[in-house]
Amino acid sequence: MNVPSAPPRKSPLFPCSRRAVLAFLAFATILASTFSPAAAVPQASTIVTLAKIREAWVQDLRTKQLEPILKFYAPDAVFLLPTGERITGSAALRTLFQTIMATFNSDLTLRSQNLETSGDLAYDSGDFEETLTTIATGTKITSKGSYIIIFKRQPDRSWQIVQHVWTGTPPPGT
């Protein structure tokens, strides 16, 4: 006696085909490894490193540490002043910071709004407030604005500033 076979019943737990379930599991495995906390650790440690560089840069400016501040910059780095002037390269950056440090005492505060990385590039963007005290006269000059620092990972895996931009109205006398 030939009894027609009934189509296989679908599981109530898996109302779709076995092939669809396997495809979903494979996709979920790939997705999980992409977004796992282990994958986020290198970026998180890079963010911490870059934040420490920013804070060290501010401290070196406040304490007038010329050589350490220059080490944060790549040899061909560019510093864009609020006036639009472009300062390029180690020698020009040295002159800029020597002049600033000889003329003013800086009380600078940076407030990072975004600090992100992508491969060998990273940026830190935020706002600043600075009070410059003229060494010769004691006159205080206050300014506010925004900044962006672009970092590039070097062959030795360290990070250096390749572009540094200040916006805002330059304070009078600077």
Protein backbone atom coordinates (compact mmCIF):
# COMPACT_ATOMS: atom_id res chain seq x y z
CA MET A 1 0.00 0.00 0.00
CA ASN A 2 1.38 3.29 -1.07
CA VAL A 3 0.67 6.05 1.38
CA PRO A 4 1.52 9.47 0.09
CA SER A 5 4.22 10.94 2.26
CA ALA A 6 3.37 14.16 3.98
CA PRO A 7 5.73 17.07 3.50
CA PRO A 8 8.14 17.43 6.39
CA ARG A 9 6.67 19.51 9.13
CA LYS A 10 8.39 22.72 10.06
CA SER A 11 9.66 23.04 13.56
CA PRO A 12 7.71 25.50 15.68
CA LEU A 13 11.04 26.89 16.89
CA PHE A 14 12.43 27.35 13.37
CA PRO A 15 9.56 28.13 10.98
CA CYS A 16 12.05 28.56 8.11
CA SER A 17 14.24 26.10 6.27
CA ARG A 18 17.36 24.54 7.73
CA ARG A 19 19.44 26.30 5.05
CA ALA A 20 18.09 29.70 6.12
CA VAL A 21 18.89 28.93 9.77
CA LEU A 22 22.47 27.95 8.88
CA ALA A 23 22.92 31.08 6.76
CA PHE A 24 21.64 33.23 9.62
CA LEU A 25 23.99 31.57 12.12
CA ALA A 26 26.98 32.06 9.80
CA PHE A 27 26.07 35.74 9.33
CA ALA A 28 25.60 36.24 13.09
CA THR A 29 29.01 34.68 13.79
CA ILE A 30 30.74 37.01 11.32
CA LEU A 31 28.86 40.03 12.64
CA ALA A 32 29.64 39.16 16.27
CA SER A 33 33.36 38.93 15.58
CA THR A 34 33.30 42.28 13.79
CA PHE A 35 31.63 44.12 16.67
CA SER A 36 33.09 42.19 19.57
CA PRO A 37 34.65 44.08 22.48
CA ALA A 38 38.02 42.55 21.55
CA ALA A 39 37.88 44.41 18.21
CA ALA A 40 37.08 47.67 20.02
CA VAL A 41 40.05 47.43 22.42
CA PRO A 42 42.72 48.65 19.95
CA GLN A 43 40.62 51.68 19.00
CA ALA A 44 39.82 52.42 22.65
CA SER A 45 43.51 52.30 23.59
CA THR A 46 44.31 54.57 20.63
CA ILE A 47 41.69 57.07 21.79
CA VAL A 48 43.26 57.09 25.26
CA THR A 49 46.73 57.57 23.74
CA LEU A 50 45.56 60.50 21.60
CA ALA A 51 43.79 62.14 24.56
CA LYS A 52 47.03 61.85 26.55
CA ILE A 53 48.97 63.47 23.69
CA ARG A 54 46.47 66.36 23.66
CA GLU A 55 46.78 66.87 27.42
CA ALA A 56 50.58 66.65 27.31
CA TRP A 57 50.63 69.21 24.48
CA VAL A 58 48.57 71.65 26.59
CA GLN A 59 50.80 71.08 29.63
CA ASP A 60 53.96 71.58 27.55
CA LEU A 61 52.57 74.86 26.21
CA ARG A 62 51.68 76.07 29.71
CA THR A 63 55.11 75.14 31.08
CA LYS A 64 56.97 76.36 27.97
CA GLN A 65 58.56 73.05 27.05
CA LEU A 66 59.66 73.78 23.48
CA GLU A 67 61.44 70.54 22.53
CA PRO A 68 58.73 68.21 23.91
CA ILE A 69 55.96 70.18 22.17
CA LEU A 70 57.80 70.05 18.83
CA LYS A 71 58.12 66.25 19.09
CA PHE A 72 54.34 65.97 18.80
CA TYR A 73 54.51 67.27 15.20
CA ALA A 74 55.52 65.42 12.05
CA PRO A 75 58.45 67.09 10.21
CA ASP A 76 56.10 68.41 7.50
CA ALA A 77 53.23 69.32 9.84
CA VAL A 78 51.02 72.31 9.12
CA PHE A 79 49.64 74.71 11.74
CA LEU A 80 46.80 76.96 10.53
CA LEU A 81 46.38 80.11 12.60
CA PRO A 82 43.05 81.92 13.09
CA THR A 83 44.37 84.62 10.76
CA GLY A 84 44.55 82.04 7.97
CA GLU A 85 48.33 82.01 8.02
CA ARG A 86 49.81 78.58 7.25
CA ILE A 87 52.89 77.59 9.26
CA THR A 88 54.59 74.57 7.64
CA GLY A 89 57.45 72.37 8.77
CA SER A 90 59.64 71.90 11.83
CA ALA A 91 61.67 75.10 11.51
CA ALA A 92 58.59 77.31 11.13
CA LEU A 93 56.83 75.55 14.02
CA ARG A 94 59.92 76.07 16.18
CA THR A 95 59.85 79.81 15.42
CA LEU A 96 56.10 80.01 16.11
CA PHE A 97 56.34 78.31 19.50
CA GLN A 98 59.54 80.17 20.50
CA THR A 99 57.75 83.46 19.81
CA ILE A 100 54.61 82.43 21.70
CA MET A 101 56.59 81.13 24.69
CA ALA A 102 58.84 84.22 24.82
CA THR A 103 55.92 86.64 24.59
CA PHE A 104 53.08 85.05 26.58
CA ASN A 105 52.17 82.82 29.47
CA SER A 106 49.30 80.61 28.32
CA ASP A 107 46.39 79.30 30.33
CA LEU A 108 44.77 77.10 27.69
CA THR A 109 41.85 74.72 28.11
CA LEU A 110 40.80 72.32 25.35
CA ARG A 111 37.41 70.60 25.42
CA SER A 112 37.36 67.72 22.97
CA GLN A 113 34.00 67.16 21.26
CA ASN A 114 35.04 64.35 18.89
CA LEU A 115 38.07 62.10 19.00
CA GLU A 116 37.97 59.41 16.32
CA THR A 117 40.31 57.12 14.45
CA SER A 118 40.24 55.39 11.10
CA GLY A 119 43.23 53.28 10.17
CA ASP A 120 46.40 55.36 10.42
CA LEU A 121 44.57 58.70 10.72
CA ALA A 122 42.77 60.25 13.66
CA TYR A 123 41.30 63.60 14.55
CA ASP A 124 40.49 65.51 17.70
CA SER A 125 38.00 68.34 17.34
CA GLY A 126 36.70 70.62 20.04
CA ASP A 127 36.59 74.05 21.61
CA PHE A 128 39.21 76.07 23.41
CA GLU A 129 39.45 78.95 25.84
CA GLU A 130 42.76 80.64 26.42
CA THR A 131 44.02 83.48 28.53
CA LEU A 132 47.36 84.79 27.37
CA THR A 133 49.30 86.98 29.77
CA THR A 134 51.80 89.24 28.07
CA ILE A 135 55.11 88.74 29.86
CA ALA A 136 56.33 92.32 29.31
CA THR A 137 53.23 94.10 30.60
CA GLY A 138 51.08 91.59 32.47
CA THR A 139 48.17 92.37 30.14
CA LYS A 140 45.67 89.52 29.87
CA ILE A 141 44.14 88.59 26.54
CA THR A 142 41.26 86.11 26.44
CA SER A 143 40.15 84.20 23.36
CA LYS A 144 37.74 81.39 22.48
CA GLY A 145 37.31 79.27 19.42
CA SER A 146 37.52 75.79 18.01
CA TYR A 147 40.37 73.51 17.09
CA ILE A 148 41.03 70.41 15.08
CA ILE A 149 44.13 68.27 15.32
CA ILE A 150 44.76 65.60 12.71
CA PHE A 151 47.12 62.81 13.72
CA LYS A 152 48.88 60.26 11.55
CA ARG A 153 50.29 56.98 12.81
CA GLN A 154 54.00 56.80 12.04
CA PRO A 155 55.93 53.70 10.89
CA ASP A 156 57.09 53.15 14.51
CA ARG A 157 53.34 53.04 15.51
CA SER A 158 53.51 56.39 17.36
CA TRP A 159 51.11 59.22 16.53
CA GLN A 160 52.16 62.67 15.36
CA ILE A 161 50.25 65.82 14.51
CA VAL A 162 50.16 66.47 10.76
CA GLN A 163 47.57 69.28 10.71
CA HIS A 164 46.63 71.62 13.54
CA VAL A 165 43.96 74.28 13.09
CA TRP A 166 42.72 77.08 15.39
CA THR A 167 39.57 79.00 14.52
CA GLY A 168 38.03 82.05 16.10
CA THR A 169 38.98 85.67 16.20
CA PRO A 170 42.62 86.14 17.12
CA PRO A 171 42.99 88.17 20.28
CA PRO A 172 44.27 91.71 19.80
CA GLY A 173 48.03 91.98 19.98
CA THR A 174 48.77 88.40 18.97
